[in-house]
Protein backbone atom coordinates (compact mmCIF):
# COMPACT_ATOMS: atom_id res chain seq x y z
CA MET A 1 138.83 -120.25 42.48
CA SER A 2 141.08 -121.17 39.16
CA GLU A 3 144.65 -119.56 38.74
CA ILE A 4 143.08 -117.35 36.08
CA SER A 5 140.57 -115.77 37.84
CA ALA A 6 142.43 -114.93 40.94
CA LEU A 7 144.58 -112.56 38.14
CA PRO A 8 143.76 -109.39 38.11
CA SER A 9 142.44 -108.22 34.47
CA THR A 10 144.95 -107.89 32.07
CA VAL A 11 146.43 -105.24 30.36
CA VAL A 12 148.46 -105.78 26.77
CA ARG A 13 151.10 -103.01 25.76
CA CYS A 14 153.09 -102.54 22.41
CA GLY A 15 155.84 -105.28 23.01
CA ASP A 16 153.72 -107.32 24.10
CA LYS A 17 153.69 -110.76 21.58
CA ARG A 18 149.81 -110.59 21.96
CA TYR A 19 149.49 -106.96 21.32
CA PRO A 20 149.61 -107.07 17.30
CA ALA A 21 146.34 -109.81 17.60
CA LEU A 22 144.87 -107.66 20.43
CA SER A 23 144.93 -104.48 18.40
CA ARG A 24 143.17 -105.54 15.39
CA GLY A 25 140.45 -107.51 14.60
CA PHE A 26 138.87 -109.63 11.67
CA ASN A 27 139.20 -107.12 8.92
CA GLN A 28 142.48 -106.59 8.35
CA ARG A 29 142.12 -103.08 6.83
CA TRP A 30 141.92 -101.28 10.42
CA ILE A 31 145.01 -102.34 12.77
CA ALA A 32 145.22 -99.35 16.05
CA GLU A 33 148.27 -98.95 18.09
CA PRO A 34 146.57 -98.06 21.29
CA GLU A 35 148.58 -97.42 24.46
CA TYR A 36 146.85 -100.44 25.80
CA VAL A 37 144.49 -103.51 25.02
CA ARG A 38 142.55 -104.39 28.52
CA LEU A 39 140.94 -107.70 28.81
CA LEU A 40 137.46 -108.21 30.85
CA ARG A 41 135.89 -111.14 32.61
CA THR A 42 133.57 -109.72 34.67
CA PRO A 43 130.94 -106.64 34.23
CA GLU A 44 132.98 -105.17 37.19
CA GLU A 45 135.93 -105.32 35.93
CA ALA A 46 134.68 -103.23 32.90
CA ARG A 47 133.20 -101.05 35.05
CA ALA A 48 136.67 -100.38 36.77
CA ALA A 49 138.78 -100.30 33.84
CA LEU A 50 136.36 -97.93 31.54
CA ALA A 51 136.68 -95.43 34.62
CA GLU A 52 140.11 -95.51 34.72
CA ALA A 53 140.13 -95.56 30.91
CA VAL A 54 138.09 -92.22 31.55
CA HIS A 55 140.31 -90.39 33.79
CA GLU A 56 143.85 -90.99 32.21
CA LYS A 57 145.62 -88.27 30.15
CA PRO A 58 146.28 -89.65 26.43
CA ALA A 59 149.79 -89.86 26.20
CA ASN A 60 149.76 -88.75 22.49
CA PRO A 61 146.67 -86.26 21.82
CA ALA A 62 145.52 -87.68 18.49
CA ARG A 63 144.46 -90.72 19.87
CA THR A 64 142.10 -90.04 22.29
CA ARG A 65 138.60 -92.81 21.83
CA ILE A 66 137.87 -95.21 24.52
CA THR A 67 136.63 -98.35 22.18
CA VAL A 68 135.02 -101.96 22.99
CA LYS A 69 135.58 -105.12 21.38
CA SER A 70 133.88 -108.58 21.66
CA GLY A 71 134.55 -110.56 18.19
CA GLY A 72 136.31 -107.84 16.15
CA HIS A 73 133.85 -107.97 13.38
CA CYS A 74 133.27 -103.97 12.90
CA TYR A 75 133.97 -103.41 8.97
CA GLU A 76 134.90 -99.80 9.78
CA ASP A 77 137.50 -98.55 11.72
CA PHE A 78 134.98 -97.77 14.91
CA VAL A 79 136.97 -99.94 16.87
CA CYS A 80 140.38 -100.34 15.56
CA GLY A 81 141.29 -97.03 14.63
CA ASP A 82 143.97 -94.31 13.99
CA ASP A 83 142.82 -92.38 17.03
CA VAL A 84 142.27 -95.41 19.42
CA ARG A 85 144.06 -94.72 22.54
CA VAL A 86 142.59 -97.84 24.52
CA ILE A 87 140.73 -101.28 23.51
CA LEU A 88 138.30 -102.62 26.13
CA ASP A 89 138.07 -106.40 25.34
CA VAL A 90 135.26 -108.08 26.54
CA SER A 91 135.50 -111.61 24.67
CA PRO A 92 137.12 -113.59 27.93
CA MET A 93 133.49 -112.55 29.08
CA CYS A 94 131.26 -115.76 27.13
CA ASP A 95 129.09 -117.16 29.75
CA VAL A 96 125.93 -118.79 28.89
CA SER A 97 122.95 -119.31 31.73
CA TYR A 98 119.60 -118.85 32.84
CA ASP A 99 119.04 -116.51 35.10
CA GLY A 100 116.09 -117.33 37.50
CA ALA A 101 115.94 -113.99 39.08
CA MET A 102 115.01 -112.75 35.47
CA ARG A 103 113.66 -115.44 34.08
CA ALA A 104 115.61 -114.71 31.02
CA TYR A 105 118.40 -116.65 29.16
CA CYS A 106 121.58 -114.54 29.93
CA VAL A 107 124.59 -114.25 27.40
CA GLU A 108 127.62 -112.18 27.97
CA ALA A 109 128.53 -109.88 25.53
CA GLY A 110 131.86 -111.63 24.30
CA ALA A 111 130.31 -114.47 23.61
CA THR A 112 130.30 -115.60 19.71
CA ASN A 113 127.79 -116.81 17.59
CA TRP A 114 128.54 -120.12 17.61
CA HIS A 115 129.43 -120.20 21.57
CA VAL A 116 125.98 -119.30 21.97
CA TYR A 117 124.39 -121.84 19.31
CA SER A 118 126.64 -124.49 20.78
CA HIS A 119 126.40 -123.79 24.57
CA LEU A 120 122.80 -122.39 24.79
CA TYR A 121 120.83 -125.12 22.53
CA PRO A 122 122.67 -128.31 24.11
CA ILE A 123 121.35 -127.46 27.53
CA SER A 124 117.83 -125.32 26.57
CA GLY A 125 116.40 -126.29 23.64
CA LYS A 126 116.57 -122.98 22.75
CA ALA A 127 118.39 -120.61 19.93
CA LEU A 128 119.02 -117.02 19.22
CA PRO A 129 118.30 -116.16 15.67
CA GLY A 130 121.63 -114.87 14.82
CA GLY A 131 124.17 -115.05 12.09
CA SER A 132 125.84 -117.51 10.53
CA CYS A 133 129.57 -116.15 10.73
CA TYR A 134 130.56 -117.89 13.88
CA SER A 135 133.16 -115.43 15.28
CA VAL A 136 130.98 -112.51 15.39
CA GLY A 137 130.55 -111.25 19.00
CA LEU A 138 126.97 -110.81 20.28
CA GLY A 139 128.04 -106.85 21.98
CA GLY A 140 127.82 -105.72 18.20
CA HIS A 141 125.88 -108.20 16.47
CA VAL A 142 122.46 -107.81 18.80
CA PRO A 143 122.32 -103.86 19.29
CA ALA A 144 122.82 -103.50 15.66
CA GLY A 145 119.64 -105.89 15.28
CA GLY A 146 121.14 -109.29 14.30
CA PHE A 147 119.92 -111.80 11.69
CA GLY A 148 120.20 -115.08 10.61
CA LEU A 149 119.11 -118.16 8.78
CA LEU A 150 116.07 -118.80 11.46
CA SER A 151 115.08 -114.58 10.99
CA ARG A 152 112.35 -115.18 8.49
CA GLN A 153 111.23 -117.97 10.73
CA HIS A 154 111.63 -116.28 14.38
CA GLY A 155 112.71 -112.45 13.61
CA LEU A 156 115.60 -110.47 14.90
CA THR A 157 117.72 -111.11 17.93
CA VAL A 158 116.71 -107.74 19.56
CA ASP A 159 112.59 -109.31 19.22
CA TYR A 160 113.54 -111.47 22.10
CA LEU A 161 116.05 -109.00 24.25
CA TYR A 162 114.48 -108.30 27.70
CA ALA A 163 117.16 -106.96 29.29
CA VAL A 164 120.87 -104.94 28.92
CA GLU A 165 123.96 -104.78 31.45
CA VAL A 166 125.82 -101.38 30.64
CA ALA A 167 128.63 -99.58 31.98
CA VAL A 168 127.78 -96.28 31.15
CA VAL A 169 129.98 -92.76 32.00
CA ASP A 170 127.95 -89.92 33.24
CA LYS A 171 128.53 -86.31 33.04
CA ASP A 172 130.97 -86.00 36.06
CA GLY A 173 132.85 -88.58 34.60
CA ASN A 174 131.21 -91.48 37.30
CA VAL A 175 131.02 -95.23 35.97
CA GLU A 176 128.51 -97.28 36.67
CA LEU A 177 126.45 -100.12 35.81
CA VAL A 178 123.37 -99.82 34.88
CA VAL A 179 120.40 -103.09 34.28
CA ALA A 180 118.27 -101.85 31.75
CA LYS A 181 115.23 -103.80 31.21
CA ARG A 182 111.77 -103.32 28.61
CA ASP A 183 109.95 -103.11 31.77
CA SER A 184 111.67 -100.67 34.18
CA LYS A 185 109.69 -98.47 35.98
CA GLU A 186 112.07 -95.68 34.81
CA GLN A 187 111.54 -94.17 31.26
CA VAL A 188 115.17 -93.55 30.84
CA LEU A 189 115.62 -97.01 31.71
CA ARG A 190 113.24 -98.50 29.18
CA ASP A 191 114.97 -95.90 26.38
CA LEU A 192 118.34 -97.60 26.99
CA TRP A 193 116.63 -100.85 26.45
CA TRP A 194 115.05 -100.25 23.37
CA ALA A 195 118.18 -97.83 22.26
CA HIS A 196 120.18 -101.81 22.14
CA THR A 197 117.33 -103.16 19.86
CA GLY A 198 118.60 -101.74 16.55
CA GLY A 199 120.79 -98.50 17.83
CA GLY A 200 124.16 -100.14 16.92
CA GLY A 201 127.15 -101.25 19.46
CA GLY A 202 129.70 -98.64 20.41
CA ASN A 203 127.13 -95.81 21.25
CA PHE A 204 125.98 -95.32 24.98
CA GLY A 205 128.45 -97.41 26.79
CA LEU A 206 129.83 -101.04 27.54
CA VAL A 207 127.66 -103.96 27.14
CA THR A 208 128.60 -106.43 29.33
CA ARG A 209 125.55 -108.77 29.37
CA PHE A 210 122.28 -109.84 27.41
CA TRP A 211 119.17 -111.24 28.76
CA PHE A 212 116.71 -113.03 26.12
CA ARG A 213 113.23 -114.20 27.00
CA GLY A 214 110.81 -116.09 24.65
CA LEU A 215 113.46 -117.66 22.89
CA PRO A 216 112.44 -120.28 20.08
CA GLN A 217 112.96 -123.81 19.59
CA PRO A 218 114.78 -124.23 16.15
CA PRO A 219 113.59 -127.17 14.10
CA GLU A 220 114.79 -130.85 14.95
CA HIS A 221 115.91 -131.17 11.31
CA VAL A 222 116.91 -128.58 8.22
CA LEU A 223 117.00 -129.16 4.56
CA LEU A 224 120.30 -127.23 3.46
CA SER A 225 121.03 -126.57 -0.27
CA GLY A 226 124.48 -125.04 -2.08
CA LEU A 227 124.32 -125.33 -5.64
CA ALA A 228 125.69 -122.79 -8.16
CA TRP A 229 125.70 -122.08 -12.07
CA ASP A 230 128.64 -121.26 -14.21
CA TRP A 231 128.84 -117.55 -15.51
CA LYS A 232 130.01 -118.28 -18.95
CA ASP A 233 126.76 -120.10 -19.66
CA PHE A 234 124.66 -116.90 -18.89
CA THR A 235 123.17 -113.83 -21.54
CA LYS A 236 122.17 -111.01 -19.81
CA ASP A 237 118.39 -112.15 -20.37
CA GLU A 238 119.31 -115.44 -18.37
CA PHE A 239 120.66 -113.11 -15.36
CA ALA A 240 118.10 -111.15 -15.32
CA MET A 241 115.38 -113.79 -14.76
CA LEU A 242 117.62 -115.59 -12.12
CA VAL A 243 117.75 -112.34 -10.67
CA ARG A 244 114.23 -111.26 -10.51
CA SER A 245 112.78 -114.77 -9.97
CA TYR A 246 114.69 -114.45 -6.66
CA GLY A 247 112.64 -111.58 -5.95
CA GLU A 248 109.61 -112.27 -6.61
CA TYR A 249 109.77 -115.22 -4.71
CA PHE A 250 110.56 -113.93 -1.46
CA ARG A 251 108.17 -111.20 -2.03
CA ASP A 252 105.36 -113.62 -2.72
CA HIS A 253 106.39 -116.14 0.07
CA GLN A 254 106.25 -113.84 3.12
CA ASN A 255 104.14 -116.03 5.90
CA PRO A 256 106.22 -117.31 8.87
CA SER A 257 103.73 -120.13 9.53
CA THR A 258 104.55 -121.55 5.96
CA ALA A 259 107.35 -123.84 4.74
CA SER A 260 108.03 -121.22 2.04
CA GLY A 261 108.17 -118.48 4.60
CA LYS A 262 110.60 -119.96 7.07
CA LEU A 263 112.72 -120.98 3.87
CA PHE A 264 116.11 -118.91 3.77
CA ALA A 265 118.67 -118.16 1.20
CA MET A 266 121.54 -116.30 0.13
CA LEU A 267 122.32 -115.36 -3.68
CA LYS A 268 125.93 -114.93 -4.36
CA LEU A 269 126.50 -112.90 -6.88
CA ASN A 270 130.20 -113.08 -7.50
CA HIS A 271 132.04 -111.09 -9.93
CA VAL A 272 132.52 -112.70 -13.15
CA SER A 273 136.43 -113.45 -12.15
CA ASN A 274 135.04 -116.28 -9.45
CA GLU A 275 133.59 -118.04 -12.65
CA GLN A 276 130.35 -118.97 -11.13
CA ILE A 277 127.07 -117.66 -9.06
CA GLY A 278 126.11 -119.66 -6.34
CA LEU A 279 123.16 -120.36 -3.99
CA LEU A 280 122.36 -121.33 -0.17
CA ALA A 281 119.44 -122.18 0.88
CA GLN A 282 117.80 -123.68 4.24
CA VAL A 283 114.60 -124.76 5.27
CA ASP A 284 112.80 -126.54 8.47
CA ALA A 285 112.66 -130.41 7.87
CA ASP A 286 110.46 -130.25 10.47
CA ASP A 287 107.64 -128.69 8.32
CA PRO A 288 106.18 -131.64 6.32
CA ASP A 289 105.88 -129.02 3.63
CA GLY A 290 109.78 -128.30 3.80
CA PRO A 291 111.24 -131.00 1.29
CA GLN A 292 108.69 -130.03 -1.45
CA VAL A 293 109.13 -125.74 -0.74
CA MET A 294 112.58 -126.99 -1.42
CA THR A 295 112.23 -128.38 -4.75
CA ASP A 296 110.23 -125.62 -5.55
CA PHE A 297 112.48 -122.93 -4.57
CA VAL A 298 115.07 -124.18 -6.86
CA ALA A 299 112.95 -125.23 -9.53
CA ALA A 300 111.49 -121.18 -9.38
CA LEU A 301 115.15 -120.25 -10.11
CA ASP A 302 116.78 -123.05 -12.04
CA GLY A 303 113.73 -124.22 -13.53
CA ARG A 304 113.59 -120.74 -15.22
CA ILE A 305 117.23 -120.20 -16.81
CA GLY A 306 119.67 -122.23 -19.31
CA PRO A 307 122.79 -122.84 -17.41
CA ALA A 308 122.91 -125.63 -15.81
CA ALA A 309 123.22 -126.23 -11.71
CA THR A 310 126.48 -127.84 -10.43
CA ARG A 311 128.71 -127.44 -7.24
CA MET A 312 130.30 -124.72 -5.72
CA ARG A 313 133.75 -124.92 -6.37
CA SER A 314 135.15 -121.85 -4.32
CA VAL A 315 134.82 -119.70 -1.53
CA MET A 316 132.18 -117.39 -2.37
CA GLY A 317 132.65 -114.44 0.13
CA GLU A 318 132.10 -116.30 3.79
CA HIS A 319 130.83 -119.55 2.36
CA PHE A 320 131.79 -122.56 0.72
CA VAL A 321 129.45 -125.85 0.88
CA HIS A 322 130.40 -128.28 -1.56
CA MET A 323 126.72 -130.23 -1.57
CA ASP A 324 124.43 -129.94 -4.64
CA ILE A 325 121.68 -132.65 -3.52
CA PRO A 326 119.42 -131.04 -0.72
CA ARG A 327 120.85 -132.55 2.37
CA THR A 328 118.99 -133.06 5.64
CA MET A 329 120.76 -132.82 8.85
CA PRO A 330 120.11 -131.77 12.48
CA TRP A 331 119.86 -128.08 12.85
CA LEU A 332 122.77 -127.49 15.07
CA THR A 333 124.92 -129.57 12.61
CA ALA A 334 123.83 -127.47 9.94
CA THR A 335 124.79 -124.42 11.31
CA GLN A 336 128.28 -125.45 11.90
CA ALA A 337 128.61 -126.59 7.98
CA LEU A 338 127.49 -122.94 7.86
CA ASN A 339 129.74 -121.65 10.14
CA SER A 340 132.13 -119.01 8.58
CA SER A 341 133.77 -115.86 8.64
CA GLY A 342 135.86 -116.61 5.14
CA GLU A 343 139.58 -115.90 5.36
CA ILE A 344 141.66 -113.35 7.62
CA ARG A 345 141.94 -110.56 4.97
CA CYS A 346 141.03 -107.07 4.68
CA GLY A 347 137.82 -106.12 3.36
CA LYS A 348 135.07 -103.50 2.43
CA TYR A 349 131.27 -103.45 2.90
CA LYS A 350 128.38 -101.94 1.48
CA SER A 351 124.40 -102.87 2.37
CA ALA A 352 120.72 -102.46 1.33
CA TYR A 353 117.46 -103.51 1.95
CA LEU A 354 114.87 -103.96 -0.85
CA ARG A 355 111.38 -103.85 -0.61
CA LYS A 356 110.67 -105.00 -3.80
CA PRO A 357 112.35 -107.09 -6.33
CA PHE A 358 115.02 -105.97 -8.52
CA THR A 359 114.00 -103.06 -11.12
CA ASP A 360 115.73 -103.48 -14.40
CA GLN A 361 117.94 -100.46 -14.22
CA GLN A 362 119.33 -102.40 -10.71
CA ILE A 363 119.46 -105.57 -12.76
CA ASN A 364 121.36 -104.22 -15.38
CA ALA A 365 123.98 -102.16 -13.16
CA MET A 366 124.79 -105.21 -11.55
CA TRP A 367 125.30 -107.02 -14.87
CA ALA A 368 127.52 -104.29 -16.15
CA TYR A 369 129.81 -104.35 -12.65
CA LEU A 370 129.75 -108.06 -12.17
CA GLY A 371 132.36 -107.47 -14.91
CA LYS A 372 130.32 -108.20 -18.17
CA GLU A 373 130.55 -104.75 -19.43
CA LYS A 374 132.42 -103.24 -16.76
CA TYR A 375 135.44 -103.85 -14.90
CA SER A 376 135.94 -106.76 -17.12
CA ASP A 377 139.57 -106.75 -16.71
CA TYR A 378 139.42 -106.66 -12.95
CA VAL A 379 140.26 -110.21 -11.22
CA ASN A 380 138.99 -110.75 -7.77
CA LYS A 381 137.04 -114.13 -7.20
CA GLN A 382 136.20 -112.63 -3.45
CA ALA A 383 134.05 -109.31 -5.09
CA LEU A 384 130.40 -110.05 -4.77
CA ILE A 385 126.96 -108.96 -3.87
CA GLN A 386 125.29 -111.51 -1.42
CA VAL A 387 121.31 -111.10 -1.69
CA ASP A 388 119.71 -112.26 1.67
CA SER A 389 116.26 -113.55 1.43
CA TYR A 390 114.40 -111.46 4.12
CA GLY A 391 110.69 -110.63 5.99
CA GLY A 392 108.85 -113.17 6.86
CA ALA A 393 108.46 -113.16 10.74
CA VAL A 394 110.83 -110.02 10.73
CA ASN A 395 108.28 -108.21 9.16
CA LYS A 396 106.15 -108.93 12.70
CA PRO A 397 108.56 -107.62 14.97
CA LEU A 398 107.15 -108.96 18.62
CA ARG A 399 107.21 -105.38 19.97
CA GLN A 400 108.17 -101.98 18.96
CA THR A 401 112.23 -101.74 18.77
CA ALA A 402 114.70 -99.64 17.26
CA SER A 403 115.56 -101.84 14.22
CA ARG A 404 113.26 -99.91 11.58
CA GLN A 405 113.44 -101.74 8.37
CA ARG A 406 110.55 -104.19 8.71
CA ASP A 407 108.67 -104.46 5.52
CA SER A 408 111.38 -105.79 3.03
CA ILE A 409 111.76 -109.17 1.06
CA LEU A 410 115.60 -108.66 0.60
CA LYS A 411 118.80 -107.86 2.52
CA LEU A 412 122.04 -106.91 0.57
CA GLN A 413 125.79 -107.35 1.33
CA TYR A 414 127.89 -105.40 -1.14
CA GLN A 415 131.27 -107.28 -0.40
CA VAL A 416 135.04 -107.08 -1.60
CA TYR A 417 138.56 -108.58 -0.54
CA TRP A 418 141.76 -108.48 -0.59
CA THR A 419 145.31 -109.60 0.94
CA GLN A 420 147.20 -106.91 2.84
CA ASN A 421 149.78 -104.99 0.87
CA ASP A 422 147.99 -105.81 -2.36
CA VAL A 423 149.00 -103.25 -4.62
CA HIS A 424 145.38 -103.19 -6.32
CA GLU A 425 143.50 -101.98 -3.01
CA ASP A 426 142.28 -98.97 -4.21
CA THR A 427 140.85 -100.44 -7.39
CA HIS A 428 138.74 -103.17 -5.19
CA ILE A 429 137.49 -100.61 -3.12
CA ALA A 430 136.58 -98.24 -6.52
CA TRP A 431 135.18 -101.64 -7.49
CA ILE A 432 132.66 -101.56 -4.42
CA ARG A 433 131.93 -97.73 -4.85
CA ASP A 434 131.22 -98.52 -8.42
CA ILE A 435 128.93 -100.90 -8.64
CA TYR A 436 126.41 -99.52 -5.45
CA LYS A 437 126.40 -96.21 -7.20
CA ALA A 438 125.18 -97.59 -10.68
CA THR A 439 122.81 -100.57 -8.53
CA PHE A 440 120.54 -97.22 -7.27
CA ALA A 441 121.82 -94.52 -9.43
CA ALA A 442 117.91 -93.43 -9.63
CA THR A 443 118.06 -92.20 -5.58
CA GLY A 444 121.40 -90.67 -5.80
CA GLY A 445 123.83 -93.80 -5.18
CA VAL A 446 122.11 -95.23 -2.65
CA PRO A 447 119.25 -97.47 -1.21
CA VAL A 448 117.33 -94.62 0.14
CA ALA A 449 115.08 -95.28 3.26
CA ASP A 450 111.33 -95.42 2.92
CA GLY A 451 112.11 -95.36 -1.12
CA ASP A 452 109.63 -97.25 -3.49
CA THR A 453 111.93 -99.98 -3.93
CA THR A 454 114.73 -99.49 -1.22
CA ASP A 455 114.57 -98.80 2.73
CA GLY A 456 118.31 -98.13 3.34
CA CYS A 457 121.46 -99.31 5.08
CA TYR A 458 121.93 -101.91 8.19
CA ILE A 459 123.85 -100.42 10.68
CA GLY A 460 125.46 -104.23 11.53
CA TYR A 461 127.54 -103.55 7.66
CA PRO A 462 128.90 -99.97 8.82
CA ASP A 463 129.56 -97.77 5.55
CA ALA A 464 131.92 -94.44 6.15
CA ASP A 465 131.04 -93.77 2.51
CA LEU A 466 127.24 -92.74 3.16
CA ASN A 467 129.01 -89.65 5.74
CA ASP A 468 130.75 -88.57 2.12
CA GLY A 469 128.69 -86.18 -0.97
CA ARG A 470 131.01 -87.72 -3.52
CA TRP A 471 129.34 -91.75 -2.98
CA ASN A 472 125.69 -90.32 -1.38
CA GLY A 473 123.71 -87.78 -3.24
CA SER A 474 120.35 -88.82 -2.47
CA GLY A 475 119.80 -85.85 -0.31
CA GLN A 476 119.13 -88.61 2.98
CA SER A 477 121.90 -88.50 5.55
CA TRP A 478 123.69 -91.56 6.91
CA GLU A 479 121.39 -91.22 9.99
CA THR A 480 118.27 -91.57 7.96
CA LEU A 481 119.38 -94.53 5.59
CA TYR A 482 120.68 -96.39 9.01
CA TYR A 483 117.95 -95.38 11.91
CA LYS A 484 115.01 -93.47 9.59
CA ASP A 485 112.66 -92.25 12.38
CA ALA A 486 114.59 -93.60 15.16
CA TYR A 487 117.13 -91.29 15.22
CA ALA A 488 115.61 -88.46 17.14
CA LYS A 489 115.04 -90.36 20.22
CA LEU A 490 118.77 -92.75 19.70
CA GLN A 491 119.85 -89.08 19.89
CA GLU A 492 118.07 -88.29 23.34
CA VAL A 493 119.11 -91.62 24.57
CA LYS A 494 122.39 -90.76 23.82
CA ARG A 495 122.72 -87.53 25.65
CA HIS A 496 121.10 -88.78 28.75
CA TRP A 497 123.34 -91.58 29.25
CA ASP A 498 126.87 -90.47 27.16
CA PRO A 499 126.90 -86.96 27.81
CA ARG A 500 130.55 -86.92 27.76
CA ASP A 501 130.58 -88.54 24.10
CA VAL A 502 133.02 -91.10 25.26
CA PHE A 503 131.65 -93.94 22.85
CA ARG A 504 131.97 -92.19 19.43
CA HIS A 505 133.14 -92.83 16.42
CA ALA A 506 132.50 -92.01 12.40
CA GLN A 507 129.32 -92.91 12.85
CA SER A 508 127.96 -92.69 16.38
CA ILE A 509 125.22 -91.56 17.57
CA ARG A 510 125.00 -87.43 17.50
CA SER A 511 124.00 -86.29 20.86
CA VAL A 512 121.05 -83.45 20.75
CA GLN A 513 121.73 -80.50 22.90
CA ALA A 514 120.40 -80.79 26.40
CA LYS A 515 117.73 -78.34 26.15
CA LYS A 516 117.97 -74.77 28.02
């Protein structure tokens, strides 16, 4: 037994040099002042720490929430907020192993994306089709229905989730560790497993471990390409052609058994002050059609517009890949090349699923608010709409999950970043609200679920504005935008497994009342 493992779980309070770093996450917009942060290393420590926290009396009646942190990438104040009393940090729990009894790979909830890729793949040849941001923790990424560059080829992370271990609190305040499997005998356990396949993190209990079965093998080699176009060379018609062609390509290439159906891309529609629009793309190079598909994809965009392709000259959101010629490299090497979470800064985010290519109205709104007509005096190189390819294997799920958006072709992430104490913070937030509202003006300022072209929002990119009628005039609640028809069942799961509403935040699942 090591010296560290023999120590009791670590409690960090105000005055400890570690406290300022541990009471915040990636988004510096949200900084908590909890009574303490507790670092957890085992499921039993997590159970005991949660039990202790539940029965403590708050020192400050305004700070009552108990929250759980893994990678710390929550985009809203759900983990680090003004009302947080205790943060239970599972980041020390990051082991990756094979569980023979479960016949599944076990990953602890504190492991990050890169930790899983760099530890699971070398020993097994398997991979989780998760995100490109290296420091995102699985404790939040997986329950949200996490996706990444392998998802068009292999689906979502939750499509491989076999079991989940959760510390739950009953109505009397007792805490126990529960293992819920997709084939558990008890229906309530199967429901708890299902709720973690897209029901969001921080809703039902403290997740300690995940087990995955049937994980795919990533390609031995991938072809990675990055290029950009200078904004100054674009006319409105050429911008429309680029954006429309991008959507049409993925509308027309949705078969995950083909090289074009495996290709994943990110179009970076930066504000004009960035001076460039960027593109990143990856395709399976083991597929003999992969190289030609990459050539055809770039031609489908670059070959139809006048601006000449060049290299990226700056960070675009969370990425900066300085290569214009497609480069073949081992999958893990390419994943490391793309792995980035961007600079440590403040940020605001919004999301949308698109079932069809962009409409003329949406394109006109994006053109205007990216600085060509509106916000032309606004200067922020880190204000953008990232348009991810989607669908393929995602739209052919292996089984029913709580991730309900399964027929989209694009997934949008609106992003804006600024540094702490920036006097223009209100302007940054106004920009992202305005461009989002204008893009989806036809449906009340948000991408409605089950719409003609849209299908709601992604809980992995939470946006508290969806609760506010000033920004959501669609008539659809945030619950519907995130969860669609799954929400009623998620409420039943919440009522059974978290009857005291211990795990709550501005967009947590609302428990239904028990039937009398």
